[in-house]
Amino acid sequence: MPLVGVGFSYLSKVERGRLDFDGTASESLVHRLATVLESDEDELLMLAGRIPQALADRIREQPEVFRVFSQCDSQSLFVLKDIALQGRMGTSKQIKQSGSRCSIPAR
């Protein structure tokens, strides 16, 4: 029995994006692959075109935050990520100083 419970040909189809049905691996398969490969399950889920449950829950809790994020350019998102990882609140001024574009309402 294969380590993840599917055969080589199926895994090959997953890798090449050639599945016959919805075109993505199931969440349970991604979970098993992440365990066997000792990889980040959320990253594998996103690579498979799926949104991890914890992220989906956060989007439902605060959709307005994610609407703002969806309007940001890549540079703004990098600035916001850095601010969040530093554990401090960013301001619209910091975003503007970076030269990036993001529709963050002024406070």
PDB file of N, CA and C in Angstrom:
ATOM      1  N   MET A   1       0.849  -1.191   0.000  1.00  0.00           N
ATOM      2  CA  MET A   1       0.000   0.000   0.000  1.00  0.00           C
ATOM      3  C   MET A   1       0.889   1.247   0.000  1.00  0.00           C
ATOM      4  N   PRO A   2       0.650   2.200  -0.905  1.00  0.00           N
ATOM      5  CA  PRO A   2       1.440   3.434  -0.941  1.00  0.00           C
ATOM      6  C   PRO A   2       1.296   4.234   0.361  1.00  0.00           C
ATOM      7  N   LEU A   3       2.291   5.048   0.660  1.00  0.00           N
ATOM      8  CA  LEU A   3       2.308   5.831   1.896  1.00  0.00           C
ATOM      9  C   LEU A   3       1.119   6.766   2.051  1.00  0.00           C
ATOM     10  N   VAL A   4       0.615   7.321   0.952  1.00  0.00           N
ATOM     11  CA  VAL A   4      -0.490   8.270   1.038  1.00  0.00           C
ATOM     12  C   VAL A   4      -1.821   7.682   0.588  1.00  0.00           C
ATOM     13  N   GLY A   5      -1.830   6.404   0.261  1.00  0.00           N
ATOM     14  CA  GLY A   5      -3.080   5.729  -0.067  1.00  0.00           C
ATOM     15  C   GLY A   5      -3.550   5.899  -1.502  1.00  0.00           C
ATOM     16  N   VAL A   6      -2.693   6.381  -2.390  1.00  0.00           N
ATOM     17  CA  VAL A   6      -3.033   6.480  -3.809  1.00  0.00           C
ATOM     18  C   VAL A   6      -1.847   5.988  -4.626  1.00  0.00           C
ATOM     19  N   GLY A   7      -2.122   5.585  -5.837  1.00  0.00           N
ATOM     20  CA  GLY A   7      -1.078   5.044  -6.692  1.00  0.00           C
ATOM     21  C   GLY A   7      -0.240   6.116  -7.372  1.00  0.00           C
ATOM     22  N   PHE A   8       0.869   5.662  -7.941  1.00  0.00           N
ATOM     23  CA  PHE A   8       1.808   6.546  -8.631  1.00  0.00           C
ATOM     24  C   PHE A   8       1.138   7.309  -9.763  1.00  0.00           C
ATOM     25  N   SER A   9       0.302   6.623 -10.558  1.00  0.00           N
ATOM     26  CA  SER A   9      -0.306   7.290 -11.719  1.00  0.00           C
ATOM     27  C   SER A   9      -1.229   8.431 -11.272  1.00  0.00           C
ATOM     28  N   TYR A  10      -1.943   8.240 -10.168  1.00  0.00           N
ATOM     29  CA  TYR A  10      -2.810   9.306  -9.655  1.00  0.00           C
ATOM     30  C   TYR A  10      -1.965  10.495  -9.195  1.00  0.00           C
ATOM     31  N   LEU A  11      -0.886  10.217  -8.446  1.00  0.00           N
ATOM     32  CA  LEU A  11      -0.006  11.299  -7.992  1.00  0.00           C
ATOM     33  C   LEU A  11       0.593  12.049  -9.171  1.00  0.00           C
ATOM     34  N   SER A  12       0.927  11.319 -10.216  1.00  0.00           N
ATOM     35  CA  SER A  12       1.465  11.949 -11.414  1.00  0.00           C
ATOM     36  C   SER A  12       0.434  12.896 -12.025  1.00  0.00           C
ATOM     37  N   LYS A  13      -0.827  12.477 -12.070  1.00  0.00           N
ATOM     38  CA  LYS A  13      -1.890  13.334 -12.587  1.00  0.00           C
ATOM     39  C   LYS A  13      -2.067  14.571 -11.710  1.00  0.00           C
ATOM     40  N   VAL A  14      -1.972  14.392 -10.395  1.00  0.00           N
ATOM     41  CA  VAL A  14      -2.079  15.530  -9.474  1.00  0.00           C
ATOM     42  C   VAL A  14      -0.976  16.533  -9.773  1.00  0.00           C
ATOM     43  N   GLU A  15       0.250  16.044  -9.908  1.00  0.00           N
ATOM     44  CA  GLU A  15       1.398  16.918 -10.169  1.00  0.00           C
ATOM     45  C   GLU A  15       1.249  17.689 -11.482  1.00  0.00           C
ATOM     46  N   ARG A  16       0.694  17.042 -12.483  1.00  0.00           N
ATOM     47  CA  ARG A  16       0.568  17.657 -13.807  1.00  0.00           C
ATOM     48  C   ARG A  16      -0.742  18.407 -13.986  1.00  0.00           C
ATOM     49  N   GLY A  17      -1.617  18.397 -12.951  1.00  0.00           N
ATOM     50  CA  GLY A  17      -2.896  19.084 -13.056  1.00  0.00           C
ATOM     51  C   GLY A  17      -3.827  18.461 -14.063  1.00  0.00           C
ATOM     52  N   ARG A  18      -3.787  17.137 -14.165  1.00  0.00           N
ATOM     53  CA  ARG A  18      -4.573  16.436 -15.176  1.00  0.00           C
ATOM     54  C   ARG A  18      -5.613  15.484 -14.578  1.00  0.00           C
ATOM     55  N   LEU A  19      -6.189  15.860 -13.450  1.00  0.00           N
ATOM     56  CA  LEU A  19      -7.231  15.024 -12.861  1.00  0.00           C
ATOM     57  C   LEU A  19      -8.502  15.143 -13.693  1.00  0.00           C
ATOM     58  N   ASP A  20      -9.253  14.068 -13.764  1.00  0.00           N
ATOM     59  CA  ASP A  20     -10.436  14.019 -14.622  1.00  0.00           C
ATOM     60  C   ASP A  20     -11.633  14.787 -14.068  1.00  0.00           C
ATOM     61  N   PHE A  21     -11.738  14.928 -12.741  1.00  0.00           N
ATOM     62  CA  PHE A  21     -12.928  15.543 -12.150  1.00  0.00           C
ATOM     63  C   PHE A  21     -12.710  17.031 -11.944  1.00  0.00           C
ATOM     64  N   ASP A  22     -12.601  17.535 -10.713  1.00  0.00           N
ATOM     65  CA  ASP A  22     -12.505  18.984 -10.498  1.00  0.00           C
ATOM     66  C   ASP A  22     -11.095  19.541 -10.690  1.00  0.00           C
ATOM     67  N   GLY A  23     -10.134  18.696 -10.969  1.00  0.00           N
ATOM     68  CA  GLY A  23      -8.795  19.158 -11.282  1.00  0.00           C
ATOM     69  C   GLY A  23      -7.878  19.414 -10.111  1.00  0.00           C
ATOM     70  N   THR A  24      -8.327  19.169  -8.893  1.00  0.00           N
ATOM     71  CA  THR A  24      -7.462  19.374  -7.728  1.00  0.00           C
ATOM     72  C   THR A  24      -7.505  18.159  -6.823  1.00  0.00           C
ATOM     73  N   ALA A  25      -6.455  18.011  -6.044  1.00  0.00           N
ATOM     74  CA  ALA A  25      -6.390  16.906  -5.087  1.00  0.00           C
ATOM     75  C   ALA A  25      -7.334  17.187  -3.919  1.00  0.00           C
ATOM     76  N   SER A  26      -7.841  16.138  -3.301  1.00  0.00           N
ATOM     77  CA  SER A  26      -8.724  16.317  -2.149  1.00  0.00           C
ATOM     78  C   SER A  26      -7.921  16.844  -0.961  1.00  0.00           C
ATOM     79  N   GLU A  27      -8.620  17.484  -0.031  1.00  0.00           N
ATOM     80  CA  GLU A  27      -7.952  17.992   1.165  1.00  0.00           C
ATOM     81  C   GLU A  27      -7.328  16.859   1.971  1.00  0.00           C
ATOM     82  N   SER A  28      -7.986  15.714   2.012  1.00  0.00           N
ATOM     83  CA  SER A  28      -7.430  14.598   2.788  1.00  0.00           C
ATOM     84  C   SER A  28      -6.137  14.090   2.158  1.00  0.00           C
ATOM     85  N   LEU A  29      -6.074  14.067   0.819  1.00  0.00           N
ATOM     86  CA  LEU A  29      -4.831  13.659   0.160  1.00  0.00           C
ATOM     87  C   LEU A  29      -3.728  14.670   0.442  1.00  0.00           C
ATOM     88  N   VAL A  30      -4.045  15.953   0.363  1.00  0.00           N
ATOM     89  CA  VAL A  30      -3.042  16.987   0.638  1.00  0.00           C
ATOM     90  C   VAL A  30      -2.542  16.854   2.073  1.00  0.00           C
ATOM     91  N   HIS A  31      -3.443  16.580   3.010  1.00  0.00           N
ATOM     92  CA  HIS A  31      -3.036  16.380   4.406  1.00  0.00           C
ATOM     93  C   HIS A  31      -2.059  15.206   4.518  1.00  0.00           C
ATOM     94  N   ARG A  32      -2.383  14.091   3.874  1.00  0.00           N
ATOM     95  CA  ARG A  32      -1.497  12.917   3.929  1.00  0.00           C
ATOM     96  C   ARG A  32      -0.148  13.211   3.279  1.00  0.00           C
ATOM     97  N   LEU A  33      -0.173  13.921   2.136  1.00  0.00           N
ATOM     98  CA  LEU A  33       1.081  14.281   1.468  1.00  0.00           C
ATOM     99  C   LEU A  33       1.935  15.187   2.359  1.00  0.00           C
ATOM    100  N   ALA A  34       1.311  16.163   2.995  1.00  0.00           N
ATOM    101  CA  ALA A  34       2.053  17.070   3.874  1.00  0.00           C
ATOM    102  C   ALA A  34       2.700  16.303   5.019  1.00  0.00           C
ATOM    103  N   THR A  35       1.987  15.328   5.566  1.00  0.00           N
ATOM    104  CA  THR A  35       2.524  14.526   6.660  1.00  0.00           C
ATOM    105  C   THR A  35       3.723  13.706   6.187  1.00  0.00           C
ATOM    106  N   VAL A  36       3.551  12.991   5.078  1.00  0.00           N
ATOM    107  CA  VAL A  36       4.615  12.133   4.559  1.00  0.00           C
ATOM    108  C   VAL A  36       5.827  12.954   4.123  1.00  0.00           C
ATOM    109  N   LEU A  37       5.578  14.093   3.487  1.00  0.00           N
ATOM    110  CA  LEU A  37       6.664  14.936   2.973  1.00  0.00           C
ATOM    111  C   LEU A  37       7.223  15.897   4.020  1.00  0.00           C
ATOM    112  N   GLU A  38       6.591  15.899   5.206  1.00  0.00           N
ATOM    113  CA  GLU A  38       6.962  16.834   6.273  1.00  0.00           C
ATOM    114  C   GLU A  38       6.965  18.260   5.746  1.00  0.00           C
ATOM    115  N   SER A  39       5.865  18.620   5.059  1.00  0.00           N
ATOM    116  CA  SER A  39       5.697  19.938   4.439  1.00  0.00           C
ATOM    117  C   SER A  39       4.576  20.698   5.102  1.00  0.00           C
ATOM    118  N   ASP A  40       4.484  21.969   4.787  1.00  0.00           N
ATOM    119  CA  ASP A  40       3.433  22.823   5.325  1.00  0.00           C
ATOM    120  C   ASP A  40       2.119  22.511   4.611  1.00  0.00           C
ATOM    121  N   GLU A  41       1.148  22.032   5.363  1.00  0.00           N
ATOM    122  CA  GLU A  41      -0.130  21.630   4.777  1.00  0.00           C
ATOM    123  C   GLU A  41      -0.853  22.800   4.124  1.00  0.00           C
ATOM    124  N   ASP A  42      -0.854  23.968   4.773  1.00  0.00           N
ATOM    125  CA  ASP A  42      -1.536  25.128   4.202  1.00  0.00           C
ATOM    126  C   ASP A  42      -0.923  25.528   2.864  1.00  0.00           C
ATOM    127  N   GLU A  43       0.393  25.478   2.774  1.00  0.00           N
ATOM    128  CA  GLU A  43       1.063  25.829   1.515  1.00  0.00           C
ATOM    129  C   GLU A  43       0.681  24.839   0.415  1.00  0.00           C
ATOM    130  N   LEU A  44       0.667  23.548   0.747  1.00  0.00           N
ATOM    131  CA  LEU A  44       0.274  22.542  -0.246  1.00  0.00           C
ATOM    132  C   LEU A  44      -1.179  22.709  -0.669  1.00  0.00           C
ATOM    133  N   LEU A  45      -2.053  23.042   0.286  1.00  0.00           N
ATOM    134  CA  LEU A  45      -3.461  23.269  -0.051  1.00  0.00           C
ATOM    135  C   LEU A  45      -3.589  24.429  -1.037  1.00  0.00           C
ATOM    136  N   MET A  46      -2.861  25.515  -0.777  1.00  0.00           N
ATOM    137  CA  MET A  46      -2.942  26.665  -1.673  1.00  0.00           C
ATOM    138  C   MET A  46      -2.368  26.338  -3.049  1.00  0.00           C
ATOM    139  N   LEU A  47      -1.302  25.551  -3.095  1.00  0.00           N
ATOM    140  CA  LEU A  47      -0.751  25.131  -4.383  1.00  0.00           C
ATOM    141  C   LEU A  47      -1.746  24.260  -5.145  1.00  0.00           C
ATOM    142  N   ALA A  48      -2.592  23.548  -4.403  1.00  0.00           N
ATOM    143  CA  ALA A  48      -3.616  22.700  -5.023  1.00  0.00           C
ATOM    144  C   ALA A  48      -4.880  23.491  -5.370  1.00  0.00           C
ATOM    145  N   GLY A  49      -4.848  24.806  -5.137  1.00  0.00           N
ATOM    146  CA  GLY A  49      -6.005  25.638  -5.475  1.00  0.00           C
ATOM    147  C   GLY A  49      -7.093  25.630  -4.428  1.00  0.00           C
ATOM    148  N   ARG A  50      -6.755  25.252  -3.211  1.00  0.00           N
ATOM    149  CA  ARG A  50      -7.730  25.212  -2.119  1.00  0.00           C
ATOM    150  C   ARG A  50      -7.353  26.217  -1.045  1.00  0.00           C
ATOM    151  N   ILE A  51      -8.349  26.742  -0.355  1.00  0.00           N
ATOM    152  CA  ILE A  51      -8.100  27.682   0.729  1.00  0.00           C
ATOM    153  C   ILE A  51      -8.115  26.905   2.040  1.00  0.00           C
ATOM    154  N   PRO A  52      -7.023  26.996   2.822  1.00  0.00           N
ATOM    155  CA  PRO A  52      -6.993  26.300   4.109  1.00  0.00           C
ATOM    156  C   PRO A  52      -8.156  26.747   5.002  1.00  0.00           C
ATOM    157  N   GLN A  53      -8.703  25.842   5.779  1.00  0.00           N
ATOM    158  CA  GLN A  53      -9.886  26.120   6.579  1.00  0.00           C
ATOM    159  C   GLN A  53      -9.682  27.288   7.545  1.00  0.00           C
ATOM    160  N   ALA A  54      -8.521  27.359   8.190  1.00  0.00           N
ATOM    161  CA  ALA A  54      -8.270  28.448   9.143  1.00  0.00           C
ATOM    162  C   ALA A  54      -8.316  29.806   8.442  1.00  0.00           C
ATOM    163  N   LEU A  55      -7.789  29.874   7.222  1.00  0.00           N
ATOM    164  CA  LEU A  55      -7.825  31.124   6.460  1.00  0.00           C
ATOM    165  C   LEU A  55      -9.246  31.443   6.021  1.00  0.00           C
ATOM    166  N   ALA A  56      -9.970  30.456   5.568  1.00  0.00           N
ATOM    167  CA  ALA A  56     -11.369  30.668   5.171  1.00  0.00           C
ATOM    168  C   ALA A  56     -12.192  31.175   6.347  1.00  0.00           C
ATOM    169  N   ASP A  57     -11.942  30.630   7.534  1.00  0.00           N
ATOM    170  CA  ASP A  57     -12.655  31.087   8.732  1.00  0.00           C
ATOM    171  C   ASP A  57     -12.357  32.553   9.020  1.00  0.00           C
ATOM    172  N   ARG A  58     -11.077  32.955   8.908  1.00  0.00           N
ATOM    173  CA  ARG A  58     -10.693  34.356   9.154  1.00  0.00           C
ATOM    174  C   ARG A  58     -11.339  35.282   8.125  1.00  0.00           C
ATOM    175  N   ILE A  59     -11.407  34.854   6.881  1.00  0.00           N
ATOM    176  CA  ILE A  59     -12.041  35.673   5.842  1.00  0.00           C
ATOM    177  C   ILE A  59     -13.508  35.884   6.183  1.00  0.00           C
ATOM    178  N   ARG A  60     -14.192  34.834   6.632  1.00  0.00           N
ATOM    179  CA  ARG A  60     -15.604  34.954   7.003  1.00  0.00           C
ATOM    180  C   ARG A  60     -15.788  35.844   8.227  1.00  0.00           C
ATOM    181  N   GLU A  61     -14.829  35.821   9.157  1.00  0.00           N
ATOM    182  CA  GLU A  61     -14.921  36.640  10.373  1.00  0.00           C
ATOM    183  C   GLU A  61     -14.753  38.127  10.071  1.00  0.00           C
ATOM    184  N   GLN A  62     -13.843  38.457   9.141  1.00  0.00           N
ATOM    185  CA  GLN A  62     -13.546  39.859   8.853  1.00  0.00           C
ATOM    186  C   GLN A  62     -13.390  40.086   7.346  1.00  0.00           C
ATOM    187  N   PRO A  63     -14.465  39.935   6.598  1.00  0.00           N
ATOM    188  CA  PRO A  63     -14.369  40.058   5.144  1.00  0.00           C
ATOM    189  C   PRO A  63     -13.876  41.427   4.685  1.00  0.00           C
ATOM    190  N   GLU A  64     -14.182  42.479   5.445  1.00  0.00           N
ATOM    191  CA  GLU A  64     -13.763  43.822   5.033  1.00  0.00           C
ATOM    192  C   GLU A  64     -12.239  43.956   4.992  1.00  0.00           C
ATOM    193  N   VAL A  65     -11.538  43.269   5.891  1.00  0.00           N
ATOM    194  CA  VAL A  65     -10.081  43.306   5.908  1.00  0.00           C
ATOM    195  C   VAL A  65      -9.537  42.667   4.634  1.00  0.00           C
ATOM    196  N   PHE A  66     -10.102  41.545   4.253  1.00  0.00           N
ATOM    197  CA  PHE A  66      -9.612  40.839   3.070  1.00  0.00           C
ATOM    198  C   PHE A  66     -10.003  41.544   1.775  1.00  0.00           C
ATOM    199  N   ARG A  67     -11.107  42.311   1.809  1.00  0.00           N
ATOM    200  CA  ARG A  67     -11.448  43.128   0.644  1.00  0.00           C
ATOM    201  C   ARG A  67     -10.370  44.186   0.416  1.00  0.00           C
ATOM    202  N   VAL A  68      -9.906  44.809   1.510  1.00  0.00           N
ATOM    203  CA  VAL A  68      -8.834  45.799   1.396  1.00  0.00           C
ATOM    204  C   VAL A  68      -7.572  45.135   0.859  1.00  0.00           C
ATOM    205  N   PHE A  69      -7.217  43.981   1.425  1.00  0.00           N
ATOM    206  CA  PHE A  69      -6.007  43.276   0.969  1.00  0.00           C
ATOM    207  C   PHE A  69      -6.081  42.942  -0.516  1.00  0.00           C
ATOM    208  N   SER A  70      -7.251  42.574  -0.992  1.00  0.00           N
ATOM    209  CA  SER A  70      -7.388  42.183  -2.399  1.00  0.00           C
ATOM    210  C   SER A  70      -7.166  43.358  -3.344  1.00  0.00           C
ATOM    211  N   GLN A  71      -7.262  44.586  -2.830  1.00  0.00           N
ATOM    212  CA  GLN A  71      -7.063  45.775  -3.658  1.00  0.00           C
ATOM    213  C   GLN A  71      -5.622  46.287  -3.597  1.00  0.00           C
ATOM    214  N   CYS A  72      -4.784  45.681  -2.773  1.00  0.00           N
ATOM    215  CA  CYS A  72      -3.399  46.120  -2.609  1.00  0.00           C
ATOM    216  C   CYS A  72      -2.514  45.560  -3.711  1.00  0.00           C
ATOM    217  N   ASP A  73      -1.513  46.342  -4.079  1.00  0.00           N
ATOM    218  CA  ASP A  73      -0.518  45.823  -5.001  1.00  0.00           C
ATOM    219  C   ASP A  73       0.472  44.956  -4.205  1.00  0.00           C
ATOM    220  N   SER A  74       1.344  44.275  -4.900  1.00  0.00           N
ATOM    221  CA  SER A  74       2.279  43.348  -4.243  1.00  0.00           C
ATOM    222  C   SER A  74       3.188  44.046  -3.240  1.00  0.00           C
ATOM    223  N   GLN A  75       3.661  45.228  -3.587  1.00  0.00           N
ATOM    224  CA  GLN A  75       4.555  45.952  -2.679  1.00  0.00           C
ATOM    225  C   GLN A  75       3.843  46.285  -1.374  1.00  0.00           C
ATOM    226  N   SER A  76       2.593  46.718  -1.452  1.00  0.00           N
ATOM    227  CA  SER A  76       1.824  47.027  -0.247  1.00  0.00           C
ATOM    228  C   SER A  76       1.648  45.791   0.624  1.00  0.00           C
ATOM    229  N   LEU A  77       1.376  44.658  -0.021  1.00  0.00           N
ATOM    230  CA  LEU A  77       1.199  43.422   0.745  1.00  0.00           C
ATOM    231  C   LEU A  77       2.486  43.037   1.469  1.00  0.00           C
ATOM    232  N   PHE A  78       3.643  43.228   0.826  1.00  0.00           N
ATOM    233  CA  PHE A  78       4.914  42.942   1.493  1.00  0.00           C
ATOM    234  C   PHE A  78       5.106  43.852   2.701  1.00  0.00           C
ATOM    235  N   VAL A  79       4.761  45.139   2.561  1.00  0.00           N
ATOM    236  CA  VAL A  79       4.882  46.085   3.673  1.00  0.00           C
ATOM    237  C   VAL A  79       3.961  45.658   4.812  1.00  0.00           C
ATOM    238  N   LEU A  80       2.716  45.325   4.491  1.00  0.00           N
ATOM    239  CA  LEU A  80       1.757  44.898   5.514  1.00  0.00           C
ATOM    240  C   LEU A  80       2.223  43.623   6.213  1.00  0.00           C
ATOM    241  N   LYS A  81       2.761  42.697   5.445  1.00  0.00           N
ATOM    242  CA  LYS A  81       3.283  41.458   6.045  1.00  0.00           C
ATOM    243  C   LYS A  81       4.409  41.768   7.007  1.00  0.00           C
ATOM    244  N   ASP A  82       5.340  42.642   6.595  1.00  0.00           N
ATOM    245  CA  ASP A  82       6.455  43.003   7.470  1.00  0.00           C
ATOM    246  C   ASP A  82       5.967  43.671   8.746  1.00  0.00           C
ATOM    247  N   ILE A  83       4.986  44.557   8.615  1.00  0.00           N
ATOM    248  CA  ILE A  83       4.426  45.228   9.792  1.00  0.00           C
ATOM    249  C   ILE A  83       3.802  44.203  10.729  1.00  0.00           C
ATOM    250  N   ALA A  84       3.030  43.269  10.175  1.00  0.00           N
ATOM    251  CA  ALA A  84       2.370  42.251  10.999  1.00  0.00           C
ATOM    252  C   ALA A  84       3.393  41.348  11.686  1.00  0.00           C
ATOM    253  N   LEU A  85       4.445  40.971  10.974  1.00  0.00           N
ATOM    254  CA  LEU A  85       5.455  40.090  11.560  1.00  0.00           C
ATOM    255  C   LEU A  85       6.287  40.794  12.623  1.00  0.00           C
ATOM    256  N   GLN A  86       6.370  42.111  12.550  1.00  0.00           N
ATOM    257  CA  GLN A  86       7.103  42.869  13.561  1.00  0.00           C
ATOM    258  C   GLN A  86       6.261  43.086  14.810  1.00  0.00           C
ATOM    259  N   GLY A  87       4.983  42.744  14.736  1.00  0.00           N
ATOM    260  CA  GLY A  87       4.106  42.837  15.895  1.00  0.00           C
ATOM    261  C   GLY A  87       3.707  44.251  16.246  1.00  0.00           C
ATOM    262  N   ARG A  88       3.662  45.127  15.240  1.00  0.00           N
ATOM    263  CA  ARG A  88       3.218  46.492  15.511  1.00  0.00           C
ATOM    264  C   ARG A  88       2.191  46.897  14.470  1.00  0.00           C
ATOM    265  N   MET A  89       1.428  47.887  14.826  1.00  0.00           N
ATOM    266  CA  MET A  89       0.386  48.343  13.919  1.00  0.00           C
ATOM    267  C   MET A  89       0.977  49.263  12.869  1.00  0.00           C
ATOM    268  N   GLY A  90       0.617  49.054  11.635  1.00  0.00           N
ATOM    269  CA  GLY A  90       1.038  49.936  10.566  1.00  0.00           C
ATOM    270  C   GLY A  90       0.021  51.040  10.379  1.00  0.00           C
ATOM    271  N   THR A  91       0.429  52.082   9.727  1.00  0.00           N
ATOM    272  CA  THR A  91      -0.474  53.190   9.458  1.00  0.00           C
ATOM    273  C   THR A  91      -0.523  53.436   7.957  1.00  0.00           C
ATOM    274  N   SER A  92      -1.519  54.194   7.550  1.00  0.00           N
ATOM    275  CA  SER A  92      -1.614  54.576   6.145  1.00  0.00           C
ATOM    276  C   SER A  92      -0.367  55.337   5.732  1.00  0.00           C
ATOM    277  N   LYS A  93       0.181  56.119   6.658  1.00  0.00           N
ATOM    278  CA  LYS A  93       1.388  56.905   6.364  1.00  0.00           C
ATOM    279  C   LYS A  93       2.553  55.975   6.004  1.00  0.00           C
ATOM    280  N   GLN A  94       2.724  54.867   6.745  1.00  0.00           N
ATOM    281  CA  GLN A  94       3.806  53.927   6.440  1.00  0.00           C
ATOM    282  C   GLN A  94       3.632  53.322   5.056  1.00  0.00           C
ATOM    283  N   ILE A  95       2.410  53.003   4.697  1.00  0.00           N
ATOM    284  CA  ILE A  95       2.140  52.426   3.380  1.00  0.00           C
ATOM    285  C   ILE A  95       2.470  53.455   2.303  1.00  0.00           C
ATOM    286  N   LYS A  96       2.018  54.688   2.494  1.00  0.00           N
ATOM    287  CA  LYS A  96       2.271  55.736   1.500  1.00  0.00           C
ATOM    288  C   LYS A  96       3.756  56.027   1.376  1.00  0.00           C
ATOM    289  N   GLN A  97       4.480  56.025   2.498  1.00  0.00           N
ATOM    290  CA  GLN A  97       5.917  56.288   2.465  1.00  0.00           C
ATOM    291  C   GLN A  97       6.659  55.207   1.685  1.00  0.00           C
ATOM    292  N   SER A  98       6.110  54.014   1.642  1.00  0.00           N
ATOM    293  CA  SER A  98       6.779  52.928   0.932  1.00  0.00           C
ATOM    294  C   SER A  98       6.633  53.075  -0.580  1.00  0.00           C
ATOM    295  N   GLY A  99       5.737  53.974  -1.017  1.00  0.00           N
ATOM    296  CA  GLY A  99       5.523  54.167  -2.455  1.00  0.00           C
ATOM    297  C   GLY A  99       4.584  53.144  -3.059  1.00  0.00           C
ATOM    298  N   SER A 100       3.946  52.340  -2.232  1.00  0.00           N
ATOM    299  CA  SER A 100       3.056  51.305  -2.740  1.00  0.00           C
ATOM    300  C   SER A 100       1.616  51.814  -2.765  1.00  0.00           C
ATOM    301  N   ARG A 101       0.756  51.035  -3.406  1.00  0.00           N
ATOM    302  CA  ARG A 101      -0.647  51.403  -3.526  1.00  0.00           C
ATOM    303  C   ARG A 101      -1.516  50.421  -2.781  1.00  0.00           C
ATOM    304  N   CYS A 102      -2.331  50.963  -1.886  1.00  0.00           N
ATOM    305  CA  CYS A 102      -3.266  50.135  -1.136  1.00  0.00           C
ATOM    306  C   CYS A 102      -4.358  51.048  -0.615  1.00  0.00           C
ATOM    307  N   SER A 103      -5.604  50.639  -0.746  1.00  0.00           N
ATOM    308  CA  SER A 103      -6.722  51.473  -0.304  1.00  0.00           C
ATOM    309  C   SER A 103      -7.001  51.243   1.168  1.00  0.00           C
ATOM    310  N   ILE A 104      -6.165  51.831   2.012  1.00  0.00           N
ATOM    311  CA  ILE A 104      -6.366  51.710   3.452  1.00  0.00           C
ATOM    312  C   ILE A 104      -6.992  53.006   3.939  1.00  0.00           C
ATOM    313  N   PRO A 105      -8.190  52.937   4.507  1.00  0.00           N
ATOM    314  CA  PRO A 105      -8.840  54.162   4.960  1.00  0.00           C
ATOM    315  C   PRO A 105      -8.017  54.849   6.049  1.00  0.00           C
ATOM    316  N   ALA A 106      -7.968  56.184   5.999  1.00  0.00           N
ATOM    317  CA  ALA A 106      -7.277  56.954   7.044  1.00  0.00           C
ATOM    318  C   ALA A 106      -8.074  56.875   8.341  1.00  0.00           C
ATOM    319  N   ARG A 107      -7.368  56.934   9.459  1.00  0.00           N
ATOM    320  CA  ARG A 107      -8.047  56.903  10.766  1.00  0.00           C
ATOM    321  C   ARG A 107      -8.035  58.280  11.372  1.00  0.00           C
TER     322      ARG A 107
END
